[in-house]
Amino acid sequence: MNLGGEPERDDFGLPPVDIEIPDDARELDRDVQAYHREQRALRRRMRGGRLRGPLTRDGAVLPLLAGCLVFALIAAVLLTVFTATSGDVAGPKFVTPRPTPAATAPAPHARTGAASAASTPAGPATVLRQAGRLPNATIKVGARNVPLPTLVSSVLALVPQRCGCSTALGQLITQAAQAQVPLYLVGTDAAVAGLRKIAASRTGPAAPAVADDHQNVLGTAYHAQLGTTYGASGLTAILVGSHGSVELAPRLRPGLRLTSELRNLGPGASPGA
């Protein structure tokens, strides 16, 4: 190109340009500042596009769904907590009604040997059966033949052989001693030896006496009231009142309670008198 003249065609086929090269670089400051302004404006447009991008087109769907999901979870948790709290504070309370005494009291159709529930430990109730009077016969007490009708205000314990009732028999002996009622351990010929050993282990004025009913008079007389044979009825207590009235307590088991009934028999003579 010619300096100060018209541009001429370049030897390399480039379009003609008019280039002015300044002598001092400071003359290009305005061009540099304009370039930097353009670059800053371009960067601002790019940052704005990145910030507004999620809110345009399809980018707004995902944030909206995420916000709705978080709100639903928070609402469900709060609803569960408030429901449980209100149920504990203001919920109705159901109280199981206590049974009335009329519904739990036993029917008074049979006389039992149970004492008051507040003062006596729990145990099987003993049913007493009316049995008239003692038969007009004798049993052998020691070396004497004693008429049965004379044994008033006393207890006759019918102990069959091999009855397995040592615990119940011991309790009957103790309760008879506490009630100060004479007790006779009655057995047949085969069982008398074992009853004598039991009586020998008891000392004091309330020790039981041993009677030999070798003819099984008592078992035969009260067969109907016992409902079974004498040997199969287990330990049976015959309570004889002061006027000779008889009550039967068959099939005695451990835990029997006859103390109050024995005291109602009244004082009787000692078996050794």
C-alpha atoms as a PDB file:
ATOM      1  CA  MET A   1       0.000   0.000   0.000  1.00  0.00           C
ATOM      2  CA  ASN A   2       1.132   3.567  -0.542  1.00  0.00           C
ATOM      3  CA  LEU A   3       1.517   5.740   2.461  1.00  0.00           C
ATOM      4  CA  GLY A   4      -0.666   8.816   2.140  1.00  0.00           C
ATOM      5  CA  GLY A   5      -2.189   7.605  -1.127  1.00  0.00           C
ATOM      6  CA  GLU A   6      -4.872   5.284  -2.377  1.00  0.00           C
ATOM      7  CA  PRO A   7      -4.765   1.706  -1.289  1.00  0.00           C
ATOM      8  CA  GLU A   8      -3.373  -0.622  -3.824  1.00  0.00           C
ATOM      9  CA  ARG A   9      -4.025  -4.312  -4.272  1.00  0.00           C
ATOM     10  CA  ASP A  10      -1.965  -6.503  -2.034  1.00  0.00           C
ATOM     11  CA  ASP A  11       0.272  -9.059  -3.579  1.00  0.00           C
ATOM     12  CA  PHE A  12      -1.434 -11.857  -1.585  1.00  0.00           C
ATOM     13  CA  GLY A  13      -4.989 -11.213  -2.719  1.00  0.00           C
ATOM     14  CA  LEU A  14      -6.239  -9.609   0.567  1.00  0.00           C
ATOM     15  CA  PRO A  15      -8.826  -6.826   0.452  1.00  0.00           C
ATOM     16  CA  PRO A  16      -7.459  -3.356   0.657  1.00  0.00           C
ATOM     17  CA  VAL A  17      -7.415  -1.818   4.179  1.00  0.00           C
ATOM     18  CA  ASP A  18      -6.378   1.482   5.532  1.00  0.00           C
ATOM     19  CA  ILE A  19      -4.238   0.911   8.615  1.00  0.00           C
ATOM     20  CA  GLU A  20      -2.845   3.672  10.722  1.00  0.00           C
ATOM     21  CA  ILE A  21      -0.148   2.751  13.150  1.00  0.00           C
ATOM     22  CA  PRO A  22       0.164   5.342  15.909  1.00  0.00           C
ATOM     23  CA  ASP A  23       3.539   6.450  17.066  1.00  0.00           C
ATOM     24  CA  ASP A  24       2.467   6.406  20.750  1.00  0.00           C
ATOM     25  CA  ALA A  25       0.649   3.377  22.325  1.00  0.00           C
ATOM     26  CA  ARG A  26      -1.231   5.669  24.681  1.00  0.00           C
ATOM     27  CA  GLU A  27      -3.392   6.717  21.769  1.00  0.00           C
ATOM     28  CA  LEU A  28      -4.971   3.191  21.871  1.00  0.00           C
ATOM     29  CA  ASP A  29      -6.310   3.576  25.469  1.00  0.00           C
ATOM     30  CA  ARG A  30      -9.846   4.364  24.324  1.00  0.00           C
ATOM     31  CA  ASP A  31      -9.922   1.278  22.140  1.00  0.00           C
ATOM     32  CA  VAL A  32      -8.678  -0.913  24.993  1.00  0.00           C
ATOM     33  CA  GLN A  33     -11.290   0.499  27.380  1.00  0.00           C
ATOM     34  CA  ALA A  34     -14.062  -0.126  24.828  1.00  0.00           C
ATOM     35  CA  TYR A  35     -12.868  -3.726  24.436  1.00  0.00           C
ATOM     36  CA  HIS A  36     -12.934  -4.309  28.205  1.00  0.00           C
ATOM     37  CA  ARG A  37     -16.451  -2.826  28.413  1.00  0.00           C
ATOM     38  CA  GLU A  38     -17.640  -5.232  25.766  1.00  0.00           C
ATOM     39  CA  GLN A  39     -16.087  -8.186  27.604  1.00  0.00           C
ATOM     40  CA  ARG A  40     -17.673  -7.154  30.930  1.00  0.00           C
ATOM     41  CA  ALA A  41     -21.070  -6.795  29.298  1.00  0.00           C
ATOM     42  CA  LEU A  42     -20.697 -10.247  27.746  1.00  0.00           C
ATOM     43  CA  ARG A  43     -19.830 -11.826  31.109  1.00  0.00           C
ATOM     44  CA  ARG A  44     -22.840 -10.151  32.762  1.00  0.00           C
ATOM     45  CA  ARG A  45     -25.146 -11.568  30.114  1.00  0.00           C
ATOM     46  CA  MET A  46     -23.697 -15.040  30.632  1.00  0.00           C
ATOM     47  CA  ARG A  47     -24.169 -14.900  34.444  1.00  0.00           C
ATOM     48  CA  GLY A  48     -27.741 -13.696  34.053  1.00  0.00           C
ATOM     49  CA  GLY A  49     -28.460 -16.544  31.686  1.00  0.00           C
ATOM     50  CA  ARG A  50     -27.176 -19.121  34.181  1.00  0.00           C
ATOM     51  CA  LEU A  51     -29.343 -17.668  36.993  1.00  0.00           C
ATOM     52  CA  ARG A  52     -32.490 -17.409  34.917  1.00  0.00           C
ATOM     53  CA  GLY A  53     -31.977 -20.717  33.141  1.00  0.00           C
ATOM     54  CA  PRO A  54     -33.773 -23.000  35.749  1.00  0.00           C
ATOM     55  CA  LEU A  55     -36.781 -20.660  35.668  1.00  0.00           C
ATOM     56  CA  THR A  56     -37.224 -20.777  31.933  1.00  0.00           C
ATOM     57  CA  ARG A  57     -38.538 -23.526  29.696  1.00  0.00           C
ATOM     58  CA  ASP A  58     -38.330 -26.973  31.365  1.00  0.00           C
ATOM     59  CA  GLY A  59     -35.972 -25.864  34.115  1.00  0.00           C
ATOM     60  CA  ALA A  60     -38.799 -24.664  36.416  1.00  0.00           C
ATOM     61  CA  VAL A  61     -40.488 -28.080  36.709  1.00  0.00           C
ATOM     62  CA  LEU A  62     -37.931 -29.897  38.843  1.00  0.00           C
ATOM     63  CA  PRO A  63     -37.565 -27.175  41.541  1.00  0.00           C
ATOM     64  CA  LEU A  64     -41.347 -26.906  41.747  1.00  0.00           C
ATOM     65  CA  LEU A  65     -41.777 -30.659  42.204  1.00  0.00           C
ATOM     66  CA  ALA A  66     -39.054 -30.793  44.827  1.00  0.00           C
ATOM     67  CA  GLY A  67     -40.684 -27.971  46.791  1.00  0.00           C
ATOM     68  CA  CYS A  68     -44.098 -29.665  46.692  1.00  0.00           C
ATOM     69  CA  LEU A  69     -42.613 -32.960  47.909  1.00  0.00           C
ATOM     70  CA  VAL A  70     -40.840 -31.321  50.846  1.00  0.00           C
ATOM     71  CA  PHE A  71     -44.017 -29.460  51.830  1.00  0.00           C
ATOM     72  CA  ALA A  72     -46.074 -32.668  51.729  1.00  0.00           C
ATOM     73  CA  LEU A  73     -43.580 -34.511  53.945  1.00  0.00           C
ATOM     74  CA  ILE A  74     -43.550 -31.712  56.524  1.00  0.00           C
ATOM     75  CA  ALA A  75     -47.363 -31.574  56.577  1.00  0.00           C
ATOM     76  CA  ALA A  76     -47.623 -35.363  57.080  1.00  0.00           C
ATOM     77  CA  VAL A  77     -45.177 -35.330  59.991  1.00  0.00           C
ATOM     78  CA  LEU A  78     -46.952 -32.442  61.716  1.00  0.00           C
ATOM     79  CA  LEU A  79     -50.352 -34.076  61.260  1.00  0.00           C
ATOM     80  CA  THR A  80     -49.120 -37.346  62.782  1.00  0.00           C
ATOM     81  CA  VAL A  81     -47.583 -35.615  65.813  1.00  0.00           C
ATOM     82  CA  PHE A  82     -50.654 -33.473  66.502  1.00  0.00           C
ATOM     83  CA  THR A  83     -53.021 -36.429  66.161  1.00  0.00           C
ATOM     84  CA  ALA A  84     -51.042 -38.611  68.607  1.00  0.00           C
ATOM     85  CA  THR A  85     -50.715 -35.766  71.122  1.00  0.00           C
ATOM     86  CA  SER A  86     -54.404 -34.882  71.074  1.00  0.00           C
ATOM     87  CA  GLY A  87     -55.359 -38.564  71.477  1.00  0.00           C
ATOM     88  CA  ASP A  88     -53.202 -38.941  74.604  1.00  0.00           C
ATOM     89  CA  VAL A  89     -54.413 -35.751  76.236  1.00  0.00           C
ATOM     90  CA  ALA A  90     -58.122 -35.689  75.463  1.00  0.00           C
ATOM     91  CA  GLY A  91     -58.867 -39.294  74.563  1.00  0.00           C
ATOM     92  CA  PRO A  92     -61.575 -41.139  76.487  1.00  0.00           C
ATOM     93  CA  LYS A  93     -60.451 -43.372  79.305  1.00  0.00           C
ATOM     94  CA  PHE A  94     -62.192 -46.667  79.849  1.00  0.00           C
ATOM     95  CA  VAL A  95     -62.274 -48.110  83.363  1.00  0.00           C
ATOM     96  CA  THR A  96     -63.070 -51.767  83.848  1.00  0.00           C
ATOM     97  CA  PRO A  97     -65.945 -51.965  86.319  1.00  0.00           C
ATOM     98  CA  ARG A  98     -65.317 -53.946  89.451  1.00  0.00           C
ATOM     99  CA  PRO A  99     -67.591 -56.916  90.028  1.00  0.00           C
ATOM    100  CA  THR A 100     -70.235 -56.343  92.639  1.00  0.00           C
ATOM    101  CA  PRO A 101     -70.235 -58.481  95.788  1.00  0.00           C
ATOM    102  CA  ALA A 102     -73.522 -60.034  94.680  1.00  0.00           C
ATOM    103  CA  ALA A 103     -71.905 -61.330  91.489  1.00  0.00           C
ATOM    104  CA  THR A 104     -68.891 -62.899  93.208  1.00  0.00           C
ATOM    105  CA  ALA A 105     -70.381 -64.229  96.445  1.00  0.00           C
ATOM    106  CA  PRO A 106     -70.896 -68.009  96.485  1.00  0.00           C
ATOM    107  CA  ALA A 107     -74.413 -69.354  96.749  1.00  0.00           C
ATOM    108  CA  PRO A 108     -75.369 -70.140 100.382  1.00  0.00           C
ATOM    109  CA  HIS A 109     -76.669 -73.622  99.558  1.00  0.00           C
ATOM    110  CA  ALA A 110     -73.952 -75.511 101.472  1.00  0.00           C
ATOM    111  CA  ARG A 111     -72.213 -74.811 104.757  1.00  0.00           C
ATOM    112  CA  THR A 112     -68.476 -74.447 104.275  1.00  0.00           C
ATOM    113  CA  GLY A 113     -65.627 -74.572 106.710  1.00  0.00           C
ATOM    114  CA  ALA A 114     -63.940 -71.474 105.237  1.00  0.00           C
ATOM    115  CA  ALA A 115     -63.104 -68.671 107.652  1.00  0.00           C
ATOM    116  CA  SER A 116     -63.093 -64.995 106.765  1.00  0.00           C
ATOM    117  CA  ALA A 117     -61.082 -64.287 103.594  1.00  0.00           C
ATOM    118  CA  ALA A 118     -59.338 -61.371 105.292  1.00  0.00           C
ATOM    119  CA  SER A 119     -57.927 -63.478 108.133  1.00  0.00           C
ATOM    120  CA  THR A 120     -57.542 -66.980 106.635  1.00  0.00           C
ATOM    121  CA  PRO A 121     -55.153 -67.912 103.807  1.00  0.00           C
ATOM    122  CA  ALA A 122     -56.722 -69.252 100.638  1.00  0.00           C
ATOM    123  CA  GLY A 123     -57.401 -72.970 100.551  1.00  0.00           C
ATOM    124  CA  PRO A 124     -59.959 -75.498  99.339  1.00  0.00           C
ATOM    125  CA  ALA A 125     -63.396 -75.017 100.877  1.00  0.00           C
ATOM    126  CA  THR A 126     -64.663 -77.921 103.006  1.00  0.00           C
ATOM    127  CA  VAL A 127     -68.302 -78.851 102.509  1.00  0.00           C
ATOM    128  CA  LEU A 128     -70.055 -80.246 105.567  1.00  0.00           C
ATOM    129  CA  ARG A 129     -72.885 -82.739 105.118  1.00  0.00           C
ATOM    130  CA  GLN A 130     -75.568 -83.401 107.686  1.00  0.00           C
ATOM    131  CA  ALA A 131     -75.483 -87.065 108.745  1.00  0.00           C
ATOM    132  CA  GLY A 132     -77.931 -87.440 111.634  1.00  0.00           C
ATOM    133  CA  ARG A 133     -76.366 -89.013 114.723  1.00  0.00           C
ATOM    134  CA  LEU A 134     -73.670 -91.543 115.556  1.00  0.00           C
ATOM    135  CA  PRO A 135     -74.641 -95.213 115.254  1.00  0.00           C
ATOM    136  CA  ASN A 136     -75.434 -97.134 118.422  1.00  0.00           C
ATOM    137  CA  ALA A 137     -72.236 -99.198 118.418  1.00  0.00           C
ATOM    138  CA  THR A 138     -68.824 -99.304 120.072  1.00  0.00           C
ATOM    139  CA  ILE A 139     -65.243 -98.749 118.969  1.00  0.00           C
ATOM    140  CA  LYS A 140     -62.098 -99.746 120.775  1.00  0.00           C
ATOM    141  CA  VAL A 141     -60.098 -96.829 122.181  1.00  0.00           C
ATOM    142  CA  GLY A 142     -56.915 -98.218 123.651  1.00  0.00           C
ATOM    143  CA  ALA A 143     -58.036-101.171 125.790  1.00  0.00           C
ATOM    144  CA  ARG A 144     -61.615 -99.921 126.287  1.00  0.00           C
ATOM    145  CA  ASN A 145     -64.759-100.363 124.246  1.00  0.00           C
ATOM    146  CA  VAL A 146     -66.314 -96.916 124.035  1.00  0.00           C
ATOM    147  CA  PRO A 147     -69.957 -96.379 122.922  1.00  0.00           C
ATOM    148  CA  LEU A 148     -70.059 -94.026 119.970  1.00  0.00           C
ATOM    149  CA  PRO A 149     -73.048 -91.953 121.211  1.00  0.00           C
ATOM    150  CA  THR A 150     -70.960 -90.858 124.200  1.00  0.00           C
ATOM    151  CA  LEU A 151     -68.317 -89.149 122.016  1.00  0.00           C
ATOM    152  CA  VAL A 152     -70.029 -85.744 121.907  1.00  0.00           C
ATOM    153  CA  SER A 153     -68.212 -82.436 121.176  1.00  0.00           C
ATOM    154  CA  SER A 154     -65.426 -84.340 119.429  1.00  0.00           C
ATOM    155  CA  VAL A 155     -63.983 -85.169 116.028  1.00  0.00           C
ATOM    156  CA  LEU A 156     -63.587 -88.651 114.579  1.00  0.00           C
ATOM    157  CA  ALA A 157     -61.047 -88.794 111.747  1.00  0.00           C
ATOM    158  CA  LEU A 158     -61.624 -91.801 109.489  1.00  0.00           C
ATOM    159  CA  VAL A 159     -58.186 -92.639 108.081  1.00  0.00           C
ATOM    160  CA  PRO A 160     -58.169 -95.475 105.527  1.00  0.00           C
ATOM    161  CA  GLN A 161     -55.032 -97.515 105.010  1.00  0.00           C
ATOM    162  CA  ARG A 162     -52.587 -96.039 102.459  1.00  0.00           C
ATOM    163  CA  CYS A 163     -54.727 -92.932 101.973  1.00  0.00           C
ATOM    164  CA  GLY A 164     -51.668 -90.697 101.322  1.00  0.00           C
ATOM    165  CA  CYS A 165     -53.189 -87.966 103.501  1.00  0.00           C
ATOM    166  CA  SER A 166     -50.454 -87.317 106.050  1.00  0.00           C
ATOM    167  CA  THR A 167     -50.317 -83.576 105.317  1.00  0.00           C
ATOM    168  CA  ALA A 168     -54.086 -83.067 105.606  1.00  0.00           C
ATOM    169  CA  LEU A 169     -54.207 -85.266 108.719  1.00  0.00           C
ATOM    170  CA  GLY A 170     -51.484 -83.202 110.380  1.00  0.00           C
ATOM    171  CA  GLN A 171     -53.418 -80.012 109.655  1.00  0.00           C
ATOM    172  CA  LEU A 172     -56.598 -81.525 111.084  1.00  0.00           C
ATOM    173  CA  ILE A 173     -54.746 -82.526 114.271  1.00  0.00           C
ATOM    174  CA  THR A 174     -53.341 -78.991 114.631  1.00  0.00           C
ATOM    175  CA  GLN A 175     -56.701 -77.298 114.098  1.00  0.00           C
ATOM    176  CA  ALA A 176     -58.430 -79.627 116.573  1.00  0.00           C
ATOM    177  CA  ALA A 177     -55.771 -78.786 119.167  1.00  0.00           C
ATOM    178  CA  GLN A 178     -56.274 -75.058 118.551  1.00  0.00           C
ATOM    179  CA  ALA A 179     -60.039 -75.462 119.014  1.00  0.00           C
ATOM    180  CA  GLN A 180     -59.476 -77.631 122.124  1.00  0.00           C
ATOM    181  CA  VAL A 181     -61.675 -80.395 120.739  1.00  0.00           C
ATOM    182  CA  PRO A 182     -60.907 -84.097 121.362  1.00  0.00           C
ATOM    183  CA  LEU A 183     -59.758 -85.901 118.217  1.00  0.00           C
ATOM    184  CA  TYR A 184     -59.956 -89.630 117.584  1.00  0.00           C
ATOM    185  CA  LEU A 185     -57.934 -91.218 114.765  1.00  0.00           C
ATOM    186  CA  VAL A 186     -60.184 -94.062 113.637  1.00  0.00           C
ATOM    187  CA  GLY A 187     -58.913 -96.910 111.482  1.00  0.00           C
ATOM    188  CA  THR A 188     -59.462-100.574 110.798  1.00  0.00           C
ATOM    189  CA  ASP A 189     -57.226-103.349 112.091  1.00  0.00           C
ATOM    190  CA  ALA A 190     -54.565-102.895 109.382  1.00  0.00           C
ATOM    191  CA  ALA A 191     -54.278 -99.112 109.752  1.00  0.00           C
ATOM    192  CA  VAL A 192     -54.259 -98.817 113.540  1.00  0.00           C
ATOM    193  CA  ALA A 193     -50.493 -99.419 113.883  1.00  0.00           C
ATOM    194  CA  GLY A 194     -49.666 -96.473 111.612  1.00  0.00           C
ATOM    195  CA  LEU A 195     -52.135 -94.214 113.441  1.00  0.00           C
ATOM    196  CA  ARG A 196     -50.504 -95.034 116.774  1.00  0.00           C
ATOM    197  CA  LYS A 197     -47.160 -93.840 115.409  1.00  0.00           C
ATOM    198  CA  ILE A 198     -48.732 -90.571 114.308  1.00  0.00           C
ATOM    199  CA  ALA A 199     -50.420 -90.074 117.704  1.00  0.00           C
ATOM    200  CA  ALA A 200     -47.162 -90.847 119.526  1.00  0.00           C
ATOM    201  CA  SER A 201     -45.442 -87.988 117.688  1.00  0.00           C
ATOM    202  CA  ARG A 202     -47.941 -85.549 119.216  1.00  0.00           C
ATOM    203  CA  THR A 203     -47.563 -84.574 122.846  1.00  0.00           C
ATOM    204  CA  GLY A 204     -49.654 -82.526 125.258  1.00  0.00           C
ATOM    205  CA  PRO A 205     -53.216 -82.736 126.552  1.00  0.00           C
ATOM    206  CA  ALA A 206     -54.626 -82.216 123.038  1.00  0.00           C
ATOM    207  CA  ALA A 207     -52.823 -85.232 121.567  1.00  0.00           C
ATOM    208  CA  PRO A 208     -55.182 -87.402 119.471  1.00  0.00           C
ATOM    209  CA  ALA A 209     -56.383 -90.800 120.610  1.00  0.00           C
ATOM    210  CA  VAL A 210     -56.386 -93.885 118.366  1.00  0.00           C
ATOM    211  CA  ALA A 211     -59.581 -95.878 117.908  1.00  0.00           C
ATOM    212  CA  ASP A 212     -59.949 -99.284 116.244  1.00  0.00           C
ATOM    213  CA  ASP A 213     -63.172 -99.665 114.276  1.00  0.00           C
ATOM    214  CA  HIS A 214     -62.489-103.300 113.428  1.00  0.00           C
ATOM    215  CA  GLN A 215     -66.087-103.872 112.317  1.00  0.00           C
ATOM    216  CA  ASN A 216     -66.093-100.734 110.091  1.00  0.00           C
ATOM    217  CA  VAL A 217     -69.201 -99.466 111.850  1.00  0.00           C
ATOM    218  CA  LEU A 218     -68.690 -95.824 110.871  1.00  0.00           C
ATOM    219  CA  GLY A 219     -67.878 -96.566 107.240  1.00  0.00           C
ATOM    220  CA  THR A 220     -71.001 -98.705 106.919  1.00  0.00           C
ATOM    221  CA  ALA A 221     -73.248 -96.193 108.711  1.00  0.00           C
ATOM    222  CA  TYR A 222     -72.236 -93.245 106.516  1.00  0.00           C
ATOM    223  CA  HIS A 223     -71.814 -95.066 103.226  1.00  0.00           C
ATOM    224  CA  ALA A 224     -74.741 -93.204 101.641  1.00  0.00           C
ATOM    225  CA  GLN A 225     -73.499 -89.759 102.775  1.00  0.00           C
ATOM    226  CA  LEU A 226     -69.935 -90.431 101.615  1.00  0.00           C
ATOM    227  CA  GLY A 227     -71.169 -91.528  98.189  1.00  0.00           C
ATOM    228  CA  THR A 228     -68.473 -94.173  97.964  1.00  0.00           C
ATOM    229  CA  THR A 229     -66.797 -96.847 100.047  1.00  0.00           C
ATOM    230  CA  TYR A 230     -64.953 -95.866 103.205  1.00  0.00           C
ATOM    231  CA  GLY A 231     -61.507 -96.666 101.835  1.00  0.00           C
ATOM    232  CA  ALA A 232     -62.013 -94.714  98.597  1.00  0.00           C
ATOM    233  CA  SER A 233     -63.375 -91.580 100.279  1.00  0.00           C
ATOM    234  CA  GLY A 234     -59.963 -90.504 101.590  1.00  0.00           C
ATOM    235  CA  LEU A 235     -59.568 -88.669 104.864  1.00  0.00           C
ATOM    236  CA  THR A 236     -63.017 -87.957 106.377  1.00  0.00           C
ATOM    237  CA  ALA A 237     -63.753 -85.925 109.496  1.00  0.00           C
ATOM    238  CA  ILE A 238     -66.902 -86.653 111.540  1.00  0.00           C
ATOM    239  CA  LEU A 239     -67.822 -83.579 113.594  1.00  0.00           C
ATOM    240  CA  VAL A 240     -70.006 -84.503 116.588  1.00  0.00           C
ATOM    241  CA  GLY A 241     -71.841 -81.636 118.279  1.00  0.00           C
ATOM    242  CA  SER A 242     -72.616 -81.272 121.965  1.00  0.00           C
ATOM    243  CA  HIS A 243     -76.075 -82.789 121.429  1.00  0.00           C
ATOM    244  CA  GLY A 244     -74.840 -85.679 119.302  1.00  0.00           C
ATOM    245  CA  SER A 245     -75.604 -84.170 115.870  1.00  0.00           C
ATOM    246  CA  VAL A 246     -73.158 -85.303 113.169  1.00  0.00           C
ATOM    247  CA  GLU A 247     -71.667 -83.500 110.165  1.00  0.00           C
ATOM    248  CA  LEU A 248     -69.330 -85.134 107.658  1.00  0.00           C
ATOM    249  CA  ALA A 249     -66.350 -83.481 105.923  1.00  0.00           C
ATOM    250  CA  PRO A 250     -65.185 -86.037 103.307  1.00  0.00           C
ATOM    251  CA  ARG A 251     -62.168 -85.997 101.004  1.00  0.00           C
ATOM    252  CA  LEU A 252     -60.092 -83.545 103.042  1.00  0.00           C
ATOM    253  CA  ARG A 253     -57.084 -82.110 101.200  1.00  0.00           C
ATOM    254  CA  PRO A 254     -54.046 -80.078 102.295  1.00  0.00           C
ATOM    255  CA  GLY A 255     -55.071 -76.512 103.068  1.00  0.00           C
ATOM    256  CA  LEU A 256     -58.311 -77.526 104.824  1.00  0.00           C
ATOM    257  CA  ARG A 257     -59.957 -74.939 107.074  1.00  0.00           C
ATOM    258  CA  LEU A 258     -62.102 -76.301 109.910  1.00  0.00           C
ATOM    259  CA  THR A 259     -60.968 -74.316 112.951  1.00  0.00           C
ATOM    260  CA  SER A 260     -64.128 -72.233 113.288  1.00  0.00           C
ATOM    261  CA  GLU A 261     -66.390 -75.292 112.817  1.00  0.00           C
ATOM    262  CA  LEU A 262     -64.430 -77.239 115.419  1.00  0.00           C
ATOM    263  CA  ARG A 263     -64.806 -74.440 117.949  1.00  0.00           C
ATOM    264  CA  ASN A 264     -68.578 -74.502 117.453  1.00  0.00           C
ATOM    265  CA  LEU A 265     -68.671 -78.083 118.695  1.00  0.00           C
ATOM    266  CA  GLY A 266     -68.177 -76.920 122.255  1.00  0.00           C
ATOM    267  CA  PRO A 267     -65.699 -78.195 124.852  1.00  0.00           C
ATOM    268  CA  GLY A 268     -65.457 -81.943 125.174  1.00  0.00           C
ATOM    269  CA  ALA A 269     -63.806 -84.390 127.488  1.00  0.00           C
ATOM    270  CA  SER A 270     -60.231 -85.394 126.834  1.00  0.00           C
ATOM    271  CA  PRO A 271     -59.854 -88.786 125.095  1.00  0.00           C
ATOM    272  CA  GLY A 272     -57.661 -89.965 127.943  1.00  0.00           C
ATOM    273  CA  ALA A 273     -60.220 -89.179 130.673  1.00  0.00           C
END
